[in-house]
Amino acid sequence: MRIIEGSPQEIIEYERANSVASRSAPTVDAAPSHEESADPDTGSEVGVLHGSAALSPDDHVALMKFIYGRAGKNDVRTRLTEQFVMKLLAEDDIVVAFGRSSKTLDGLADYLMIRDSGPQRYGAVAYLRPSNGGMSVRLGPDNIEELGEKDNPRIQYRNVAPSDPYKINCPLADDEAFTLAVKLVRAALGAVRGE
């Protein structure tokens, strides 16, 4: 057994130097692929982080390791992803969870699931991929129009099957996208709660 000491950033840099670096996804799309299960009823998630509770040191290291490892060396994307997740976790009605995947070295999928802390009738309200800043939200064009964001250039409409509830992407590319992404997650949470 090897014990590695250091800050989360130092540990991640050590792992990168020793070929445990993550891979980056080729697209901005954040919804899970067919190879990555996100169904909470099948035990396909690990490391569930509950909002409004201080993260334990182990949970904080795991989260930072995931974000820094998946976001690569893109400082803006890493900073925005970290701030976005920490902002969401500051709210008591949000849960952030790591998905599982048999395709990665660490057994984790390349996305975080953002969910309501209540009963899981709908699964995630958003999927966030630190590797490219992509965030798919459980909203459709009608929701975007209701929010007054129809012409916002930071919103991307996904070309998906009509039955796919994740029709909107909002990549975390800059501070304005960060603010919009928070607004979209709040709207998606309201929609699944029937508000």
C-alpha atoms as a PDB file:
ATOM      1  CA  MET A   1       0.000   0.000   0.000  1.00  0.00           C
ATOM      2  CA  ARG A   2       1.280   3.464  -0.911  1.00  0.00           C
ATOM      3  CA  ILE A   3       0.295   6.567   1.043  1.00  0.00           C
ATOM      4  CA  ILE A   4       0.391   9.817  -0.879  1.00  0.00           C
ATOM      5  CA  GLU A   5       0.272  13.061   1.059  1.00  0.00           C
ATOM      6  CA  GLY A   6      -0.446  16.509  -0.298  1.00  0.00           C
ATOM      7  CA  SER A   7      -3.179  18.882  -1.343  1.00  0.00           C
ATOM      8  CA  PRO A   8      -5.873  17.634  -3.740  1.00  0.00           C
ATOM      9  CA  GLN A   9      -4.106  19.470  -6.585  1.00  0.00           C
ATOM     10  CA  GLU A  10      -0.741  17.886  -5.698  1.00  0.00           C
ATOM     11  CA  ILE A  11      -2.285  14.410  -5.565  1.00  0.00           C
ATOM     12  CA  ILE A  12      -3.956  14.913  -8.926  1.00  0.00           C
ATOM     13  CA  GLU A  13      -0.722  16.156 -10.473  1.00  0.00           C
ATOM     14  CA  TYR A  14       1.043  13.097  -9.049  1.00  0.00           C
ATOM     15  CA  GLU A  15      -1.564  10.797 -10.604  1.00  0.00           C
ATOM     16  CA  ARG A  16      -1.299  12.588 -13.946  1.00  0.00           C
ATOM     17  CA  ALA A  17       2.456  12.149 -13.901  1.00  0.00           C
ATOM     18  CA  ASN A  18       1.960   8.441 -13.234  1.00  0.00           C
ATOM     19  CA  SER A  19      -0.414   7.795 -16.162  1.00  0.00           C
ATOM     20  CA  VAL A  20      -3.652   7.828 -14.209  1.00  0.00           C
ATOM     21  CA  ALA A  21      -4.757  10.963 -16.039  1.00  0.00           C
ATOM     22  CA  SER A  22      -8.297  11.089 -17.244  1.00  0.00           C
ATOM     23  CA  ARG A  23      -9.437  11.246 -20.802  1.00  0.00           C
ATOM     24  CA  SER A  24     -11.431  14.103 -22.192  1.00  0.00           C
ATOM     25  CA  ALA A  25     -14.706  13.789 -24.028  1.00  0.00           C
ATOM     26  CA  PRO A  26     -14.850  14.931 -27.651  1.00  0.00           C
ATOM     27  CA  THR A  27     -18.141  16.810 -27.461  1.00  0.00           C
ATOM     28  CA  VAL A  28     -19.895  19.304 -25.238  1.00  0.00           C
ATOM     29  CA  ASP A  29     -22.846  16.987 -24.732  1.00  0.00           C
ATOM     30  CA  ALA A  30     -23.122  16.080 -21.071  1.00  0.00           C
ATOM     31  CA  ALA A  31     -25.865  13.465 -20.954  1.00  0.00           C
ATOM     32  CA  PRO A  32     -24.516   9.962 -20.271  1.00  0.00           C
ATOM     33  CA  SER A  33     -23.810   7.635 -23.144  1.00  0.00           C
ATOM     34  CA  HIS A  34     -25.410   4.212 -23.441  1.00  0.00           C
ATOM     35  CA  GLU A  35     -22.220   2.742 -21.939  1.00  0.00           C
ATOM     36  CA  GLU A  36     -22.613   4.784 -18.755  1.00  0.00           C
ATOM     37  CA  SER A  37     -25.522   4.015 -16.492  1.00  0.00           C
ATOM     38  CA  ALA A  38     -27.093   6.827 -14.524  1.00  0.00           C
ATOM     39  CA  ASP A  39     -30.120   5.033 -13.133  1.00  0.00           C
ATOM     40  CA  PRO A  40     -30.034   5.526  -9.346  1.00  0.00           C
ATOM     41  CA  ASP A  41     -32.157   2.431  -8.810  1.00  0.00           C
ATOM     42  CA  THR A  42     -29.447   0.143 -10.182  1.00  0.00           C
ATOM     43  CA  GLY A  43     -26.760   1.174  -7.726  1.00  0.00           C
ATOM     44  CA  SER A  44     -24.845   2.941 -10.492  1.00  0.00           C
ATOM     45  CA  GLU A  45     -23.722   5.903  -8.451  1.00  0.00           C
ATOM     46  CA  VAL A  46     -21.171   6.364  -5.741  1.00  0.00           C
ATOM     47  CA  GLY A  47     -20.026   9.234  -3.597  1.00  0.00           C
ATOM     48  CA  VAL A  48     -23.351  10.986  -3.111  1.00  0.00           C
ATOM     49  CA  LEU A  49     -22.718  14.486  -1.767  1.00  0.00           C
ATOM     50  CA  HIS A  50     -25.662  16.154  -0.026  1.00  0.00           C
ATOM     51  CA  GLY A  51     -26.236  19.888  -0.168  1.00  0.00           C
ATOM     52  CA  SER A  52     -25.987  22.254   2.828  1.00  0.00           C
ATOM     53  CA  ALA A  53     -23.751  19.853   4.756  1.00  0.00           C
ATOM     54  CA  ALA A  54     -20.057  20.554   5.081  1.00  0.00           C
ATOM     55  CA  LEU A  55     -18.115  18.067   3.005  1.00  0.00           C
ATOM     56  CA  SER A  56     -15.945  15.680   4.941  1.00  0.00           C
ATOM     57  CA  PRO A  57     -12.247  15.938   4.087  1.00  0.00           C
ATOM     58  CA  ASP A  58     -12.474  12.608   2.225  1.00  0.00           C
ATOM     59  CA  ASP A  59     -15.491  13.762   0.195  1.00  0.00           C
ATOM     60  CA  HIS A  60     -13.821  17.087  -0.602  1.00  0.00           C
ATOM     61  CA  VAL A  61     -10.648  15.351  -1.808  1.00  0.00           C
ATOM     62  CA  ALA A  62     -12.709  12.895  -3.884  1.00  0.00           C
ATOM     63  CA  LEU A  63     -14.673  15.731  -5.481  1.00  0.00           C
ATOM     64  CA  MET A  64     -11.580  17.828  -6.247  1.00  0.00           C
ATOM     65  CA  LYS A  65      -9.741  14.772  -7.563  1.00  0.00           C
ATOM     66  CA  PHE A  66     -12.676  14.047  -9.861  1.00  0.00           C
ATOM     67  CA  ILE A  67     -13.007  17.631 -11.112  1.00  0.00           C
ATOM     68  CA  TYR A  68      -9.295  18.319 -11.555  1.00  0.00           C
ATOM     69  CA  GLY A  69      -8.702  14.888 -13.052  1.00  0.00           C
ATOM     70  CA  ARG A  70     -11.556  15.170 -15.545  1.00  0.00           C
ATOM     71  CA  ALA A  71     -11.159  18.858 -16.441  1.00  0.00           C
ATOM     72  CA  GLY A  72      -7.540  18.432 -17.452  1.00  0.00           C
ATOM     73  CA  LYS A  73      -5.328  21.467 -17.594  1.00  0.00           C
ATOM     74  CA  ASN A  74      -8.045  23.928 -18.609  1.00  0.00           C
ATOM     75  CA  ASP A  75      -7.914  26.338 -15.663  1.00  0.00           C
ATOM     76  CA  VAL A  76     -11.110  28.218 -16.567  1.00  0.00           C
ATOM     77  CA  ARG A  77     -13.150  25.034 -16.964  1.00  0.00           C
ATOM     78  CA  THR A  78     -11.706  23.611 -13.743  1.00  0.00           C
ATOM     79  CA  ARG A  79     -12.438  26.785 -11.760  1.00  0.00           C
ATOM     80  CA  LEU A  80     -15.984  27.137 -13.109  1.00  0.00           C
ATOM     81  CA  THR A  81     -16.795  23.463 -12.516  1.00  0.00           C
ATOM     82  CA  GLU A  82     -15.468  23.584  -8.957  1.00  0.00           C
ATOM     83  CA  GLN A  83     -17.331  26.824  -8.146  1.00  0.00           C
ATOM     84  CA  PHE A  84     -20.524  25.558  -9.758  1.00  0.00           C
ATOM     85  CA  VAL A  85     -20.568  22.296  -7.806  1.00  0.00           C
ATOM     86  CA  MET A  86     -19.682  24.029  -4.530  1.00  0.00           C
ATOM     87  CA  LYS A  87     -22.450  26.614  -5.097  1.00  0.00           C
ATOM     88  CA  LEU A  88     -24.972  23.843  -5.699  1.00  0.00           C
ATOM     89  CA  LEU A  89     -23.795  21.935  -2.627  1.00  0.00           C
ATOM     90  CA  ALA A  90     -24.351  25.059  -0.522  1.00  0.00           C
ATOM     91  CA  GLU A  91     -28.097  24.580  -1.083  1.00  0.00           C
ATOM     92  CA  ASP A  92     -30.026  22.110   1.028  1.00  0.00           C
ATOM     93  CA  ASP A  93     -32.201  20.679  -1.728  1.00  0.00           C
ATOM     94  CA  ILE A  94     -29.417  19.461  -4.029  1.00  0.00           C
ATOM     95  CA  VAL A  95     -27.499  16.217  -4.252  1.00  0.00           C
ATOM     96  CA  VAL A  96     -24.420  15.742  -6.426  1.00  0.00           C
ATOM     97  CA  ALA A  97     -23.382  12.180  -7.231  1.00  0.00           C
ATOM     98  CA  PHE A  98     -20.652  10.459  -9.218  1.00  0.00           C
ATOM     99  CA  GLY A  99     -21.850   7.959 -11.804  1.00  0.00           C
ATOM    100  CA  ARG A 100     -20.151   4.599 -12.309  1.00  0.00           C
ATOM    101  CA  SER A 101     -18.555   3.328 -15.469  1.00  0.00           C
ATOM    102  CA  SER A 102     -16.682   0.152 -16.300  1.00  0.00           C
ATOM    103  CA  LYS A 103     -14.794   2.095 -19.003  1.00  0.00           C
ATOM    104  CA  THR A 104     -12.582   4.207 -16.704  1.00  0.00           C
ATOM    105  CA  LEU A 105      -9.625   3.332 -14.502  1.00  0.00           C
ATOM    106  CA  ASP A 106     -11.223   4.679 -11.344  1.00  0.00           C
ATOM    107  CA  GLY A 107     -14.666   3.155 -12.020  1.00  0.00           C
ATOM    108  CA  LEU A 108     -16.333   6.554 -12.211  1.00  0.00           C
ATOM    109  CA  ALA A 109     -18.196   7.940 -15.198  1.00  0.00           C
ATOM    110  CA  ASP A 110     -17.055  11.231 -16.714  1.00  0.00           C
ATOM    111  CA  TYR A 111     -20.014  13.199 -15.394  1.00  0.00           C
ATOM    112  CA  LEU A 112     -21.594  14.367 -12.167  1.00  0.00           C
ATOM    113  CA  MET A 113     -25.331  13.947 -11.612  1.00  0.00           C
ATOM    114  CA  ILE A 114     -27.177  16.882 -10.085  1.00  0.00           C
ATOM    115  CA  ARG A 115     -30.404  15.814  -8.405  1.00  0.00           C
ATOM    116  CA  ASP A 116     -33.180  16.912  -6.123  1.00  0.00           C
ATOM    117  CA  SER A 117     -32.598  15.712  -2.569  1.00  0.00           C
ATOM    118  CA  GLY A 118     -36.158  14.338  -2.369  1.00  0.00           C
ATOM    119  CA  PRO A 119     -37.529  11.059  -3.719  1.00  0.00           C
ATOM    120  CA  GLN A 120     -35.900  10.094  -7.010  1.00  0.00           C
ATOM    121  CA  ARG A 121     -38.809   9.868  -9.412  1.00  0.00           C
ATOM    122  CA  TYR A 122     -36.992  11.524 -12.303  1.00  0.00           C
ATOM    123  CA  GLY A 123     -33.281  10.896 -11.814  1.00  0.00           C
ATOM    124  CA  ALA A 124     -30.862  13.750 -12.375  1.00  0.00           C
ATOM    125  CA  VAL A 125     -31.999  17.258 -13.278  1.00  0.00           C
ATOM    126  CA  ALA A 126     -28.623  17.855 -14.923  1.00  0.00           C
ATOM    127  CA  TYR A 127     -25.449  16.062 -15.960  1.00  0.00           C
ATOM    128  CA  LEU A 128     -22.158  17.944 -15.805  1.00  0.00           C
ATOM    129  CA  ARG A 129     -18.983  16.808 -17.573  1.00  0.00           C
ATOM    130  CA  PRO A 130     -15.884  18.541 -16.185  1.00  0.00           C
ATOM    131  CA  SER A 131     -13.870  17.279 -19.163  1.00  0.00           C
ATOM    132  CA  ASN A 132     -15.503  19.794 -21.477  1.00  0.00           C
ATOM    133  CA  GLY A 133     -17.724  21.921 -19.239  1.00  0.00           C
ATOM    134  CA  GLY A 134     -20.820  20.445 -20.875  1.00  0.00           C
ATOM    135  CA  MET A 135     -24.006  20.482 -18.850  1.00  0.00           C
ATOM    136  CA  SER A 136     -27.218  18.884 -20.095  1.00  0.00           C
ATOM    137  CA  VAL A 137     -30.334  19.983 -18.259  1.00  0.00           C
ATOM    138  CA  ARG A 138     -33.721  18.313 -17.914  1.00  0.00           C
ATOM    139  CA  LEU A 139     -35.496  21.155 -19.709  1.00  0.00           C
ATOM    140  CA  GLY A 140     -36.963  21.722 -23.148  1.00  0.00           C
ATOM    141  CA  PRO A 141     -37.306  24.705 -25.480  1.00  0.00           C
ATOM    142  CA  ASP A 142     -40.644  25.674 -23.883  1.00  0.00           C
ATOM    143  CA  ASN A 143     -38.969  25.931 -20.471  1.00  0.00           C
ATOM    144  CA  ILE A 144     -36.227  28.116 -21.931  1.00  0.00           C
ATOM    145  CA  GLU A 145     -38.809  30.422 -23.490  1.00  0.00           C
ATOM    146  CA  GLU A 146     -40.660  30.685 -20.147  1.00  0.00           C
ATOM    147  CA  LEU A 147     -37.373  31.701 -18.506  1.00  0.00           C
ATOM    148  CA  GLY A 148     -36.864  34.457 -21.075  1.00  0.00           C
ATOM    149  CA  GLU A 149     -33.637  32.865 -22.329  1.00  0.00           C
ATOM    150  CA  LYS A 150     -34.807  31.751 -25.787  1.00  0.00           C
ATOM    151  CA  ASP A 151     -32.209  33.835 -27.640  1.00  0.00           C
ATOM    152  CA  ASN A 152     -29.361  33.381 -25.171  1.00  0.00           C
ATOM    153  CA  PRO A 153     -26.268  32.339 -27.179  1.00  0.00           C
ATOM    154  CA  ARG A 154     -25.006  30.246 -24.242  1.00  0.00           C
ATOM    155  CA  ILE A 155     -27.904  27.800 -24.593  1.00  0.00           C
ATOM    156  CA  GLN A 156     -27.569  24.929 -27.034  1.00  0.00           C
ATOM    157  CA  TYR A 157     -30.537  22.855 -28.136  1.00  0.00           C
ATOM    158  CA  ARG A 158     -29.725  19.150 -28.322  1.00  0.00           C
ATOM    159  CA  ASN A 159     -30.831  17.107 -31.315  1.00  0.00           C
ATOM    160  CA  VAL A 160     -32.308  14.209 -29.337  1.00  0.00           C
ATOM    161  CA  ALA A 161     -35.338  11.935 -29.512  1.00  0.00           C
ATOM    162  CA  PRO A 162     -38.602  13.614 -28.463  1.00  0.00           C
ATOM    163  CA  SER A 163     -38.737  11.301 -25.432  1.00  0.00           C
ATOM    164  CA  ASP A 164     -35.314  12.451 -24.158  1.00  0.00           C
ATOM    165  CA  PRO A 165     -35.984  14.977 -21.371  1.00  0.00           C
ATOM    166  CA  TYR A 166     -32.466  16.491 -21.563  1.00  0.00           C
ATOM    167  CA  LYS A 167     -32.963  18.813 -24.520  1.00  0.00           C
ATOM    168  CA  ILE A 168     -30.780  21.708 -23.363  1.00  0.00           C
ATOM    169  CA  ASN A 169     -27.019  22.160 -23.021  1.00  0.00           C
ATOM    170  CA  CYS A 170     -25.386  25.046 -21.206  1.00  0.00           C
ATOM    171  CA  PRO A 171     -21.593  24.643 -21.333  1.00  0.00           C
ATOM    172  CA  LEU A 172     -19.744  26.252 -18.413  1.00  0.00           C
ATOM    173  CA  ALA A 173     -17.539  28.364 -20.644  1.00  0.00           C
ATOM    174  CA  ASP A 174     -17.480  31.684 -18.761  1.00  0.00           C
ATOM    175  CA  ASP A 175     -18.924  33.502 -15.755  1.00  0.00           C
ATOM    176  CA  GLU A 176     -22.140  34.429 -17.592  1.00  0.00           C
ATOM    177  CA  ALA A 177     -22.704  30.772 -18.495  1.00  0.00           C
ATOM    178  CA  PHE A 178     -22.094  29.911 -14.827  1.00  0.00           C
ATOM    179  CA  THR A 179     -24.916  32.231 -13.731  1.00  0.00           C
ATOM    180  CA  LEU A 180     -27.224  30.894 -16.449  1.00  0.00           C
ATOM    181  CA  ALA A 181     -26.401  27.273 -15.531  1.00  0.00           C
ATOM    182  CA  VAL A 182     -27.419  27.896 -11.908  1.00  0.00           C
ATOM    183  CA  LYS A 183     -30.698  29.424 -13.139  1.00  0.00           C
ATOM    184  CA  LEU A 184     -31.347  26.405 -15.397  1.00  0.00           C
ATOM    185  CA  VAL A 185     -30.655  23.885 -12.625  1.00  0.00           C
ATOM    186  CA  ARG A 186     -33.038  25.764 -10.316  1.00  0.00           C
ATOM    187  CA  ALA A 187     -35.698  25.731 -13.088  1.00  0.00           C
ATOM    188  CA  ALA A 188     -35.194  22.000 -13.684  1.00  0.00           C
ATOM    189  CA  LEU A 189     -35.522  21.311  -9.953  1.00  0.00           C
ATOM    190  CA  GLY A 190     -38.760  23.322  -9.918  1.00  0.00           C
ATOM    191  CA  ALA A 191     -40.064  21.397 -12.932  1.00  0.00           C
ATOM    192  CA  VAL A 192     -39.493  17.953 -11.395  1.00  0.00           C
ATOM    193  CA  ARG A 193     -41.150  19.126  -8.178  1.00  0.00           C
ATOM    194  CA  GLY A 194     -44.149  20.479 -10.092  1.00  0.00           C
ATOM    195  CA  GLU A 195     -43.508  24.082  -9.016  1.00  0.00           C
END
